[in-house]
Amino acid sequence: MTKEINIGSVPVKFAGTAATTYRYKQIFKRDLLKAFMEKGQDIDTEMVTELAFIMKCQADGLTNEQFNQISFEDYVSWLDTIDFVPLMEAAPKIISLWADTSKLSVKAKKK
């Protein structure tokens, strides 16, 4: 699922897919689901900015090869282009987009 979310006045495309949690672990070396479960309502800014970066890269259509080459410097360079306060204001929308793609959709069979 792809969605354009404004970071301040700048529209940024974000994509959440089944691979988002795996890409997060690949780049940041920690389990996103576990981190969210442990943090609960106290989600830290680092997790939000990291998740936003992964979802932005997915929306950019990076290939597997490109994802394999992402470095921490790429993440920091991207953060240098974004204003922090507007990013944090957009955090609920970014997290919601990720959560919507992480939900199980099970339909009961009619009998």
PDB file of N, CA and C in Angstrom:
ATOM      1  N   MET A   1       0.848  -1.159   0.000  1.00  0.00           N
ATOM      2  CA  MET A   1       0.000   0.000   0.000  1.00  0.00           C
ATOM      3  C   MET A   1       0.900   1.231   0.000  1.00  0.00           C
ATOM      4  N   THR A   2       0.650   2.129  -0.905  1.00  0.00           N
ATOM      5  CA  THR A   2       1.435   3.355  -1.023  1.00  0.00           C
ATOM      6  C   THR A   2       0.553   4.550  -0.717  1.00  0.00           C
ATOM      7  N   LYS A   3       1.135   5.507  -0.018  1.00  0.00           N
ATOM      8  CA  LYS A   3       0.376   6.700   0.350  1.00  0.00           C
ATOM      9  C   LYS A   3       1.317   7.891   0.383  1.00  0.00           C
ATOM     10  N   GLU A   4       0.820   9.024  -0.051  1.00  0.00           N
ATOM     11  CA  GLU A   4       1.585  10.259   0.019  1.00  0.00           C
ATOM     12  C   GLU A   4       1.221  10.963   1.321  1.00  0.00           C
ATOM     13  N   ILE A   5       2.233  11.262   2.128  1.00  0.00           N
ATOM     14  CA  ILE A   5       2.029  11.914   3.415  1.00  0.00           C
ATOM     15  C   ILE A   5       2.882  13.172   3.433  1.00  0.00           C
ATOM     16  N   ASN A   6       2.284  14.263   3.841  1.00  0.00           N
ATOM     17  CA  ASN A   6       3.033  15.517   3.905  1.00  0.00           C
ATOM     18  C   ASN A   6       3.923  15.549   5.140  1.00  0.00           C
ATOM     19  N   ILE A   7       5.172  15.871   4.907  1.00  0.00           N
ATOM     20  CA  ILE A   7       6.120  16.142   5.978  1.00  0.00           C
ATOM     21  C   ILE A   7       6.288  17.656   5.945  1.00  0.00           C
ATOM     22  N   GLY A   8       5.538  18.322   6.795  1.00  0.00           N
ATOM     23  CA  GLY A   8       5.422  19.768   6.687  1.00  0.00           C
ATOM     24  C   GLY A   8       4.628  20.056   5.424  1.00  0.00           C
ATOM     25  N   SER A   9       5.223  20.825   4.521  1.00  0.00           N
ATOM     26  CA  SER A   9       4.553  21.125   3.254  1.00  0.00           C
ATOM     27  C   SER A   9       5.078  20.272   2.098  1.00  0.00           C
ATOM     28  N   VAL A  10       5.951  19.311   2.426  1.00  0.00           N
ATOM     29  CA  VAL A  10       6.569  18.475   1.389  1.00  0.00           C
ATOM     30  C   VAL A  10       5.872  17.112   1.320  1.00  0.00           C
ATOM     31  N   PRO A  11       5.257  16.798   0.165  1.00  0.00           N
ATOM     32  CA  PRO A  11       4.645  15.473   0.032  1.00  0.00           C
ATOM     33  C   PRO A  11       5.715  14.404  -0.184  1.00  0.00           C
ATOM     34  N   VAL A  12       5.631  13.322   0.608  1.00  0.00           N
ATOM     35  CA  VAL A  12       6.594  12.226   0.520  1.00  0.00           C
ATOM     36  C   VAL A  12       5.799  10.936   0.364  1.00  0.00           C
ATOM     37  N   LYS A  13       6.203  10.105  -0.591  1.00  0.00           N
ATOM     38  CA  LYS A  13       5.546   8.813  -0.773  1.00  0.00           C
ATOM     39  C   LYS A  13       6.141   7.787   0.176  1.00  0.00           C
ATOM     40  N   PHE A  14       5.254   7.039   0.810  1.00  0.00           N
ATOM     41  CA  PHE A  14       5.636   5.947   1.689  1.00  0.00           C
ATOM     42  C   PHE A  14       4.892   4.704   1.245  1.00  0.00           C
ATOM     43  N   ALA A  15       5.522   3.557   1.371  1.00  0.00           N
ATOM     44  CA  ALA A  15       4.872   2.287   1.029  1.00  0.00           C
ATOM     45  C   ALA A  15       5.100   1.294   2.149  1.00  0.00           C
ATOM     46  N   GLY A  16       4.029   0.627   2.505  1.00  0.00           N
ATOM     47  CA  GLY A  16       4.120  -0.451   3.480  1.00  0.00           C
ATOM     48  C   GLY A  16       3.736  -1.742   2.787  1.00  0.00           C
ATOM     49  N   THR A  17       4.557  -2.750   2.939  1.00  0.00           N
ATOM     50  CA  THR A  17       4.269  -4.042   2.324  1.00  0.00           C
ATOM     51  C   THR A  17       4.566  -5.135   3.344  1.00  0.00           C
ATOM     52  N   ALA A  18       4.325  -6.357   2.937  1.00  0.00           N
ATOM     53  CA  ALA A  18       4.648  -7.489   3.798  1.00  0.00           C
ATOM     54  C   ALA A  18       6.145  -7.543   4.087  1.00  0.00           C
ATOM     55  N   ALA A  19       6.947  -6.937   3.251  1.00  0.00           N
ATOM     56  CA  ALA A  19       8.404  -6.970   3.424  1.00  0.00           C
ATOM     57  C   ALA A  19       8.936  -5.859   4.335  1.00  0.00           C
ATOM     58  N   THR A  20       8.102  -4.931   4.740  1.00  0.00           N
ATOM     59  CA  THR A  20       8.587  -3.787   5.523  1.00  0.00           C
ATOM     60  C   THR A  20       9.321  -4.215   6.790  1.00  0.00           C
ATOM     61  N   THR A  21       8.748  -5.137   7.547  1.00  0.00           N
ATOM     62  CA  THR A  21       9.403  -5.559   8.797  1.00  0.00           C
ATOM     63  C   THR A  21      10.731  -6.255   8.518  1.00  0.00           C
ATOM     64  N   TYR A  22      10.797  -6.996   7.414  1.00  0.00           N
ATOM     65  CA  TYR A  22      12.044  -7.679   7.053  1.00  0.00           C
ATOM     66  C   TYR A  22      13.104  -6.693   6.591  1.00  0.00           C
ATOM     67  N   ARG A  23      12.683  -5.698   5.810  1.00  0.00           N
ATOM     68  CA  ARG A  23      13.628  -4.667   5.359  1.00  0.00           C
ATOM     69  C   ARG A  23      14.161  -3.876   6.554  1.00  0.00           C
ATOM     70  N   TYR A  24      13.280  -3.597   7.497  1.00  0.00           N
ATOM     71  CA  TYR A  24      13.690  -2.878   8.704  1.00  0.00           C
ATOM     72  C   TYR A  24      14.789  -3.656   9.428  1.00  0.00           C
ATOM     73  N   LYS A  25      14.572  -4.948   9.613  1.00  0.00           N
ATOM     74  CA  LYS A  25      15.562  -5.776  10.303  1.00  0.00           C
ATOM     75  C   LYS A  25      16.853  -5.872   9.494  1.00  0.00           C
ATOM     76  N   GLN A  26      16.733  -5.957   8.181  1.00  0.00           N
ATOM     77  CA  GLN A  26      17.898  -6.043   7.298  1.00  0.00           C
ATOM     78  C   GLN A  26      18.787  -4.809   7.463  1.00  0.00           C
ATOM     79  N   ILE A  27      18.181  -3.646   7.532  1.00  0.00           N
ATOM     80  CA  ILE A  27      18.949  -2.400   7.569  1.00  0.00           C
ATOM     81  C   ILE A  27      19.348  -2.012   8.994  1.00  0.00           C
ATOM     82  N   PHE A  28      18.417  -2.140   9.957  1.00  0.00           N
ATOM     83  CA  PHE A  28      18.669  -1.622  11.305  1.00  0.00           C
ATOM     84  C   PHE A  28      18.964  -2.700  12.351  1.00  0.00           C
ATOM     85  N   LYS A  29      18.963  -3.962  11.918  1.00  0.00           N
ATOM     86  CA  LYS A  29      19.404  -5.085  12.762  1.00  0.00           C
ATOM     87  C   LYS A  29      18.584  -5.274  14.039  1.00  0.00           C
ATOM     88  N   ARG A  30      17.311  -4.912  13.999  1.00  0.00           N
ATOM     89  CA  ARG A  30      16.423  -5.212  15.119  1.00  0.00           C
ATOM     90  C   ARG A  30      15.022  -5.511  14.608  1.00  0.00           C
ATOM     91  N   ASP A  31      14.290  -6.256  15.391  1.00  0.00           N
ATOM     92  CA  ASP A  31      12.968  -6.727  15.017  1.00  0.00           C
ATOM     93  C   ASP A  31      11.939  -5.625  15.269  1.00  0.00           C
ATOM     94  N   LEU A  32      11.315  -5.141  14.213  1.00  0.00           N
ATOM     95  CA  LEU A  32      10.361  -4.037  14.310  1.00  0.00           C
ATOM     96  C   LEU A  32       9.140  -4.406  15.139  1.00  0.00           C
ATOM     97  N   LEU A  33       8.559  -5.562  14.883  1.00  0.00           N
ATOM     98  CA  LEU A  33       7.367  -5.970  15.628  1.00  0.00           C
ATOM     99  C   LEU A  33       7.669  -6.104  17.113  1.00  0.00           C
ATOM    100  N   LYS A  34       8.776  -6.723  17.436  1.00  0.00           N
ATOM    101  CA  LYS A  34       9.164  -6.900  18.832  1.00  0.00           C
ATOM    102  C   LYS A  34       9.386  -5.540  19.493  1.00  0.00           C
ATOM    103  N   ALA A  35      10.043  -4.651  18.795  1.00  0.00           N
ATOM    104  CA  ALA A  35      10.299  -3.315  19.338  1.00  0.00           C
ATOM    105  C   ALA A  35       9.004  -2.565  19.609  1.00  0.00           C
ATOM    106  N   PHE A  36       8.046  -2.647  18.684  1.00  0.00           N
ATOM    107  CA  PHE A  36       6.758  -1.989  18.887  1.00  0.00           C
ATOM    108  C   PHE A  36       6.008  -2.601  20.065  1.00  0.00           C
ATOM    109  N   MET A  37       6.068  -3.914  20.201  1.00  0.00           N
ATOM    110  CA  MET A  37       5.390  -4.586  21.310  1.00  0.00           C
ATOM    111  C   MET A  37       6.007  -4.164  22.647  1.00  0.00           C
ATOM    112  N   GLU A  38       7.321  -4.050  22.692  1.00  0.00           N
ATOM    113  CA  GLU A  38       8.006  -3.667  23.923  1.00  0.00           C
ATOM    114  C   GLU A  38       7.754  -2.208  24.281  1.00  0.00           C
ATOM    115  N   LYS A  39       7.701  -1.351  23.278  1.00  0.00           N
ATOM    116  CA  LYS A  39       7.547   0.083  23.524  1.00  0.00           C
ATOM    117  C   LYS A  39       6.101   0.471  23.835  1.00  0.00           C
ATOM    118  N   GLY A  40       5.143  -0.227  23.243  1.00  0.00           N
ATOM    119  CA  GLY A  40       3.743   0.129  23.458  1.00  0.00           C
ATOM    120  C   GLY A  40       3.475   1.552  23.011  1.00  0.00           C
ATOM    121  N   GLN A  41       2.955   2.361  23.908  1.00  0.00           N
ATOM    122  CA  GLN A  41       2.638   3.757  23.597  1.00  0.00           C
ATOM    123  C   GLN A  41       3.876   4.656  23.601  1.00  0.00           C
ATOM    124  N   ASP A  42       4.998   4.133  24.084  1.00  0.00           N
ATOM    125  CA  ASP A  42       6.217   4.927  24.215  1.00  0.00           C
ATOM    126  C   ASP A  42       7.165   4.715  23.042  1.00  0.00           C
ATOM    127  N   ILE A  43       6.650   4.793  21.848  1.00  0.00           N
ATOM    128  CA  ILE A  43       7.463   4.589  20.649  1.00  0.00           C
ATOM    129  C   ILE A  43       8.463   5.738  20.533  1.00  0.00           C
ATOM    130  N   ASP A  44       9.722   5.390  20.352  1.00  0.00           N
ATOM    131  CA  ASP A  44      10.744   6.433  20.310  1.00  0.00           C
ATOM    132  C   ASP A  44      10.917   6.996  18.905  1.00  0.00           C
ATOM    133  N   THR A  45      11.525   8.166  18.851  1.00  0.00           N
ATOM    134  CA  THR A  45      11.694   8.865  17.584  1.00  0.00           C
ATOM    135  C   THR A  45      12.607   8.101  16.636  1.00  0.00           C
ATOM    136  N   GLU A  46      13.561   7.391  17.190  1.00  0.00           N
ATOM    137  CA  GLU A  46      14.473   6.616  16.346  1.00  0.00           C
ATOM    138  C   GLU A  46      13.712   5.558  15.544  1.00  0.00           C
ATOM    139  N   MET A  47      12.810   4.850  16.202  1.00  0.00           N
ATOM    140  CA  MET A  47      12.013   3.839  15.497  1.00  0.00           C
ATOM    141  C   MET A  47      11.161   4.457  14.400  1.00  0.00           C
ATOM    142  N   VAL A  48      10.568   5.610  14.708  1.00  0.00           N
ATOM    143  CA  VAL A  48       9.704   6.277  13.726  1.00  0.00           C
ATOM    144  C   VAL A  48      10.514   6.718  12.512  1.00  0.00           C
ATOM    145  N   THR A  49      11.669   7.333  12.745  1.00  0.00           N
ATOM    146  CA  THR A  49      12.459   7.812  11.618  1.00  0.00           C
ATOM    147  C   THR A  49      13.008   6.647  10.797  1.00  0.00           C
ATOM    148  N   GLU A  50      13.391   5.563  11.472  1.00  0.00           N
ATOM    149  CA  GLU A  50      13.883   4.385  10.750  1.00  0.00           C
ATOM    150  C   GLU A  50      12.770   3.755   9.917  1.00  0.00           C
ATOM    151  N   LEU A  51      11.589   3.610  10.507  1.00  0.00           N
ATOM    152  CA  LEU A  51      10.457   3.047   9.774  1.00  0.00           C
ATOM    153  C   LEU A  51      10.101   3.931   8.579  1.00  0.00           C
ATOM    154  N   ALA A  52      10.078   5.236   8.786  1.00  0.00           N
ATOM    155  CA  ALA A  52       9.779   6.162   7.691  1.00  0.00           C
ATOM    156  C   ALA A  52      10.791   6.005   6.559  1.00  0.00           C
ATOM    157  N   PHE A  53      12.057   5.867   6.902  1.00  0.00           N
ATOM    158  CA  PHE A  53      13.095   5.704   5.886  1.00  0.00           C
ATOM    159  C   PHE A  53      12.878   4.432   5.068  1.00  0.00           C
ATOM    160  N   ILE A  54      12.613   3.319   5.740  1.00  0.00           N
ATOM    161  CA  ILE A  54      12.376   2.057   5.031  1.00  0.00           C
ATOM    162  C   ILE A  54      11.165   2.189   4.110  1.00  0.00           C
ATOM    163  N   MET A  55      10.092   2.761   4.622  1.00  0.00           N
ATOM    164  CA  MET A  55       8.876   2.885   3.818  1.00  0.00           C
ATOM    165  C   MET A  55       9.047   3.855   2.660  1.00  0.00           C
ATOM    166  N   LYS A  56       9.879   4.874   2.842  1.00  0.00           N
ATOM    167  CA  LYS A  56      10.188   5.795   1.745  1.00  0.00           C
ATOM    168  C   LYS A  56      10.980   5.072   0.668  1.00  0.00           C
ATOM    169  N   CYS A  57      11.943   4.261   1.090  1.00  0.00           N
ATOM    170  CA  CYS A  57      12.741   3.484   0.127  1.00  0.00           C
ATOM    171  C   CYS A  57      11.865   2.502  -0.638  1.00  0.00           C
ATOM    172  N   GLN A  58      10.920   1.882   0.041  1.00  0.00           N
ATOM    173  CA  GLN A  58      10.008   0.966  -0.639  1.00  0.00           C
ATOM    174  C   GLN A  58       9.156   1.721  -1.663  1.00  0.00           C
ATOM    175  N   ALA A  59       8.693   2.905  -1.297  1.00  0.00           N
ATOM    176  CA  ALA A  59       7.890   3.699  -2.237  1.00  0.00           C
ATOM    177  C   ALA A  59       8.714   4.146  -3.431  1.00  0.00           C
ATOM    178  N   ASP A  60      10.020   4.325  -3.226  1.00  0.00           N
ATOM    179  CA  ASP A  60      10.919   4.698  -4.329  1.00  0.00           C
ATOM    180  C   ASP A  60      11.157   3.534  -5.287  1.00  0.00           C
ATOM    181  N   GLY A  61      10.730   2.332  -4.882  1.00  0.00           N
ATOM    182  CA  GLY A  61      10.866   1.172  -5.755  1.00  0.00           C
ATOM    183  C   GLY A  61      12.265   0.582  -5.797  1.00  0.00           C
ATOM    184  N   LEU A  62      12.998   0.704  -4.696  1.00  0.00           N
ATOM    185  CA  LEU A  62      14.340   0.121  -4.661  1.00  0.00           C
ATOM    186  C   LEU A  62      14.297  -1.378  -4.925  1.00  0.00           C
ATOM    187  N   THR A  63      15.274  -1.851  -5.649  1.00  0.00           N
ATOM    188  CA  THR A  63      15.381  -3.278  -5.935  1.00  0.00           C
ATOM    189  C   THR A  63      16.034  -3.987  -4.749  1.00  0.00           C
ATOM    190  N   ASN A  64      16.016  -5.318  -4.768  1.00  0.00           N
ATOM    191  CA  ASN A  64      16.696  -6.078  -3.720  1.00  0.00           C
ATOM    192  C   ASN A  64      18.170  -5.695  -3.648  1.00  0.00           C
ATOM    193  N   GLU A  65      18.792  -5.555  -4.785  1.00  0.00           N
ATOM    194  CA  GLU A  65      20.211  -5.184  -4.836  1.00  0.00           C
ATOM    195  C   GLU A  65      20.431  -3.818  -4.182  1.00  0.00           C
ATOM    196  N   GLN A  66      19.571  -2.866  -4.475  1.00  0.00           N
ATOM    197  CA  GLN A  66      19.709  -1.537  -3.881  1.00  0.00           C
ATOM    198  C   GLN A  66      19.500  -1.582  -2.369  1.00  0.00           C
ATOM    199  N   PHE A  67      18.522  -2.359  -1.914  1.00  0.00           N
ATOM    200  CA  PHE A  67      18.308  -2.505  -0.472  1.00  0.00           C
ATOM    201  C   PHE A  67      19.539  -3.119   0.193  1.00  0.00           C
ATOM    202  N   ASN A  68      20.167  -4.058  -0.473  1.00  0.00           N
ATOM    203  CA  ASN A  68      21.361  -4.699   0.083  1.00  0.00           C
ATOM    204  C   ASN A  68      22.527  -3.720   0.235  1.00  0.00           C
ATOM    205  N   GLN A  69      22.476  -2.626  -0.484  1.00  0.00           N
ATOM    206  CA  GLN A  69      23.573  -1.662  -0.442  1.00  0.00           C
ATOM    207  C   GLN A  69      23.287  -0.445   0.438  1.00  0.00           C
ATOM    208  N   ILE A  70      22.106  -0.383   1.038  1.00  0.00           N
ATOM    209  CA  ILE A  70      21.775   0.757   1.900  1.00  0.00           C
ATOM    210  C   ILE A  70      22.672   0.737   3.134  1.00  0.00           C
ATOM    211  N   SER A  71      23.167   1.917   3.471  1.00  0.00           N
ATOM    212  CA  SER A  71      24.026   2.046   4.649  1.00  0.00           C
ATOM    213  C   SER A  71      23.373   2.993   5.656  1.00  0.00           C
ATOM    214  N   PHE A  72      23.948   3.013   6.838  1.00  0.00           N
ATOM    215  CA  PHE A  72      23.482   3.944   7.859  1.00  0.00           C
ATOM    216  C   PHE A  72      23.645   5.381   7.358  1.00  0.00           C
ATOM    217  N   GLU A  73      24.683   5.622   6.586  1.00  0.00           N
ATOM    218  CA  GLU A  73      24.911   6.962   6.027  1.00  0.00           C
ATOM    219  C   GLU A  73      23.771   7.381   5.096  1.00  0.00           C
ATOM    220  N   ASP A  74      23.222   6.432   4.343  1.00  0.00           N
ATOM    221  CA  ASP A  74      22.077   6.745   3.476  1.00  0.00           C
ATOM    222  C   ASP A  74      20.898   7.224   4.315  1.00  0.00           C
ATOM    223  N   TYR A  75      20.680   6.543   5.429  1.00  0.00           N
ATOM    224  CA  TYR A  75      19.604   6.907   6.357  1.00  0.00           C
ATOM    225  C   TYR A  75      19.826   8.316   6.917  1.00  0.00           C
ATOM    226  N   VAL A  76      21.029   8.580   7.389  1.00  0.00           N
ATOM    227  CA  VAL A  76      21.344   9.885   7.963  1.00  0.00           C
ATOM    228  C   VAL A  76      21.259  10.978   6.897  1.00  0.00           C
ATOM    229  N   SER A  77      21.711  10.672   5.692  1.00  0.00           N
ATOM    230  CA  SER A  77      21.626  11.649   4.595  1.00  0.00           C
ATOM    231  C   SER A  77      20.175  11.996   4.303  1.00  0.00           C
ATOM    232  N   TRP A  78      19.301  10.999   4.333  1.00  0.00           N
ATOM    233  CA  TRP A  78      17.872  11.262   4.121  1.00  0.00           C
ATOM    234  C   TRP A  78      17.320  12.125   5.252  1.00  0.00           C
ATOM    235  N   LEU A  79      17.698  11.810   6.494  1.00  0.00           N
ATOM    236  CA  LEU A  79      17.225  12.614   7.630  1.00  0.00           C
ATOM    237  C   LEU A  79      17.655  14.070   7.494  1.00  0.00           C
ATOM    238  N   ASP A  80      18.821  14.294   6.902  1.00  0.00           N
ATOM    239  CA  ASP A  80      19.296  15.666   6.685  1.00  0.00           C
ATOM    240  C   ASP A  80      18.392  16.457   5.748  1.00  0.00           C
ATOM    241  N   THR A  81      17.571  15.769   4.963  1.00  0.00           N
ATOM    242  CA  THR A  81      16.688  16.452   4.013  1.00  0.00           C
ATOM    243  C   THR A  81      15.287  16.688   4.576  1.00  0.00           C
ATOM    244  N   ILE A  82      15.025  16.161   5.774  1.00  0.00           N
ATOM    245  CA  ILE A  82      13.685  16.212   6.366  1.00  0.00           C
ATOM    246  C   ILE A  82      13.717  17.049   7.635  1.00  0.00           C
ATOM    247  N   ASP A  83      12.684  17.882   7.825  1.00  0.00           N
ATOM    248  CA  ASP A  83      12.555  18.623   9.075  1.00  0.00           C
ATOM    249  C   ASP A  83      11.994  17.695  10.141  1.00  0.00           C
ATOM    250  N   PHE A  84      12.623  17.683  11.314  1.00  0.00           N
ATOM    251  CA  PHE A  84      12.300  16.722  12.363  1.00  0.00           C
ATOM    252  C   PHE A  84      10.888  16.890  12.922  1.00  0.00           C
ATOM    253  N   VAL A  85      10.494  18.096  13.281  1.00  0.00           N
ATOM    254  CA  VAL A  85       9.183  18.300  13.909  1.00  0.00           C
ATOM    255  C   VAL A  85       8.054  17.892  12.966  1.00  0.00           C
ATOM    256  N   PRO A  86       8.055  18.313  11.699  1.00  0.00           N
ATOM    257  CA  PRO A  86       6.989  17.846  10.801  1.00  0.00           C
ATOM    258  C   PRO A  86       6.997  16.326  10.607  1.00  0.00           C
ATOM    259  N   LEU A  87       8.185  15.705  10.623  1.00  0.00           N
ATOM    260  CA  LEU A  87       8.248  14.251  10.508  1.00  0.00           C
ATOM    261  C   LEU A  87       7.562  13.599  11.702  1.00  0.00           C
ATOM    262  N   MET A  88       7.812  14.113  12.896  1.00  0.00           N
ATOM    263  CA  MET A  88       7.177  13.559  14.097  1.00  0.00           C
ATOM    264  C   MET A  88       5.668  13.818  14.092  1.00  0.00           C
ATOM    265  N   GLU A  89       5.249  14.945  13.516  1.00  0.00           N
ATOM    266  CA  GLU A  89       3.818  15.232  13.410  1.00  0.00           C
ATOM    267  C   GLU A  89       3.143  14.255  12.445  1.00  0.00           C
ATOM    268  N   ALA A  90       3.886  13.792  11.447  1.00  0.00           N
ATOM    269  CA  ALA A  90       3.346  12.840  10.467  1.00  0.00           C
ATOM    270  C   ALA A  90       3.477  11.393  10.945  1.00  0.00           C
ATOM    271  N   ALA A  91       4.180  11.175  12.048  1.00  0.00           N
ATOM    272  CA  ALA A  91       4.438   9.814  12.545  1.00  0.00           C
ATOM    273  C   ALA A  91       3.182   8.959  12.691  1.00  0.00           C
ATOM    274  N   PRO A  92       2.080   9.478  13.250  1.00  0.00           N
ATOM    275  CA  PRO A  92       0.884   8.630  13.370  1.00  0.00           C
ATOM    276  C   PRO A  92       0.384   8.113  12.020  1.00  0.00           C
ATOM    277  N   LYS A  93       0.479   8.928  10.984  1.00  0.00           N
ATOM    278  CA  LYS A  93       0.041   8.497   9.654  1.00  0.00           C
ATOM    279  C   LYS A  93       0.983   7.436   9.084  1.00  0.00           C
ATOM    280  N   ILE A  94       2.269   7.605   9.317  1.00  0.00           N
ATOM    281  CA  ILE A  94       3.262   6.645   8.821  1.00  0.00           C
ATOM    282  C   ILE A  94       3.084   5.306   9.527  1.00  0.00           C
ATOM    283  N   ILE A  95       2.948   5.344  10.840  1.00  0.00           N
ATOM    284  CA  ILE A  95       2.758   4.123  11.612  1.00  0.00           C
ATOM    285  C   ILE A  95       1.442   3.451  11.238  1.00  0.00           C
ATOM    286  N   SER A  96       0.411   4.250  11.030  1.00  0.00           N
ATOM    287  CA  SER A  96      -0.886   3.706  10.633  1.00  0.00           C
ATOM    288  C   SER A  96      -0.807   3.000   9.281  1.00  0.00           C
ATOM    289  N   LEU A  97      -0.085   3.578   8.344  1.00  0.00           N
ATOM    290  CA  LEU A  97       0.094   2.951   7.035  1.00  0.00           C
ATOM    291  C   LEU A  97       0.793   1.605   7.189  1.00  0.00           C
ATOM    292  N   TRP A  98       1.841   1.564   7.997  1.00  0.00           N
ATOM    293  CA  TRP A  98       2.533   0.298   8.239  1.00  0.00           C
ATOM    294  C   TRP A  98       1.623  -0.701   8.933  1.00  0.00           C
ATOM    295  N   ALA A  99       0.892  -0.240   9.940  1.00  0.00           N
ATOM    296  CA  ALA A  99       0.002  -1.137  10.690  1.00  0.00           C
ATOM    297  C   ALA A  99      -1.091  -1.697   9.782  1.00  0.00           C
ATOM    298  N   ASP A 100      -1.616  -0.872   8.881  1.00  0.00           N
ATOM    299  CA  ASP A 100      -2.665  -1.335   7.958  1.00  0.00           C
ATOM    300  C   ASP A 100      -2.158  -2.447   7.048  1.00  0.00           C
ATOM    301  N   THR A 101      -0.892  -2.401   6.687  1.00  0.00           N
ATOM    302  CA  THR A 101      -0.346  -3.447   5.807  1.00  0.00           C
ATOM    303  C   THR A 101       0.073  -4.677   6.590  1.00  0.00           C
ATOM    304  N   SER A 102       0.119  -4.551   7.912  1.00  0.00           N
ATOM    305  CA  SER A 102       0.540  -5.670   8.751  1.00  0.00           C
ATOM    306  C   SER A 102      -0.627  -6.476   9.305  1.00  0.00           C
ATOM    307  N   LYS A 103      -1.842  -5.988   9.100  1.00  0.00           N
ATOM    308  CA  LYS A 103      -3.017  -6.666   9.639  1.00  0.00           C
ATOM    309  C   LYS A 103      -3.320  -7.936   8.859  1.00  0.00           C
ATOM    310  N   LEU A 104      -3.813  -8.908   9.567  1.00  0.00           N
ATOM    311  CA  LEU A 104      -4.289 -10.119   8.908  1.00  0.00           C
ATOM    312  C   LEU A 104      -5.705  -9.868   8.426  1.00  0.00           C
ATOM    313  N   SER A 105      -5.983 -10.297   7.238  1.00  0.00           N
ATOM    314  CA  SER A 105      -7.349 -10.178   6.747  1.00  0.00           C
ATOM    315  C   SER A 105      -7.910 -11.571   6.527  1.00  0.00           C
ATOM    316  N   VAL A 106      -8.744 -11.979   7.444  1.00  0.00           N
ATOM    317  CA  VAL A 106      -9.326 -13.307   7.392  1.00  0.00           C
ATOM    318  C   VAL A 106     -10.826 -13.147   7.266  1.00  0.00           C
ATOM    319  N   LYS A 107     -11.383 -13.805   6.283  1.00  0.00           N
ATOM    320  CA  LYS A 107     -12.814 -13.757   6.087  1.00  0.00           C
ATOM    321  C   LYS A 107     -13.411 -15.106   6.479  1.00  0.00           C
ATOM    322  N   ALA A 108     -14.478 -15.044   7.229  1.00  0.00           N
ATOM    323  CA  ALA A 108     -15.156 -16.267   7.615  1.00  0.00           C
ATOM    324  C   ALA A 108     -15.884 -16.830   6.411  1.00  0.00           C
ATOM    325  N   LYS A 109     -15.848 -18.137   6.298  1.00  0.00           N
ATOM    326  CA  LYS A 109     -16.565 -18.784   5.208  1.00  0.00           C
ATOM    327  C   LYS A 109     -18.037 -18.902   5.570  1.00  0.00           C
ATOM    328  N   LYS A 110     -18.882 -18.674   4.589  1.00  0.00           N
ATOM    329  CA  LYS A 110     -20.317 -18.842   4.820  1.00  0.00           C
ATOM    330  C   LYS A 110     -20.634 -20.316   4.868  1.00  0.00           C
ATOM    331  N   LYS A 111     -21.530 -20.670   5.750  1.00  0.00           N
ATOM    332  CA  LYS A 111     -21.960 -22.066   5.836  1.00  0.00           C
ATOM    333  C   LYS A 111     -23.385 -22.196   5.420  1.00  0.00           C
TER     334      LYS A 111
END
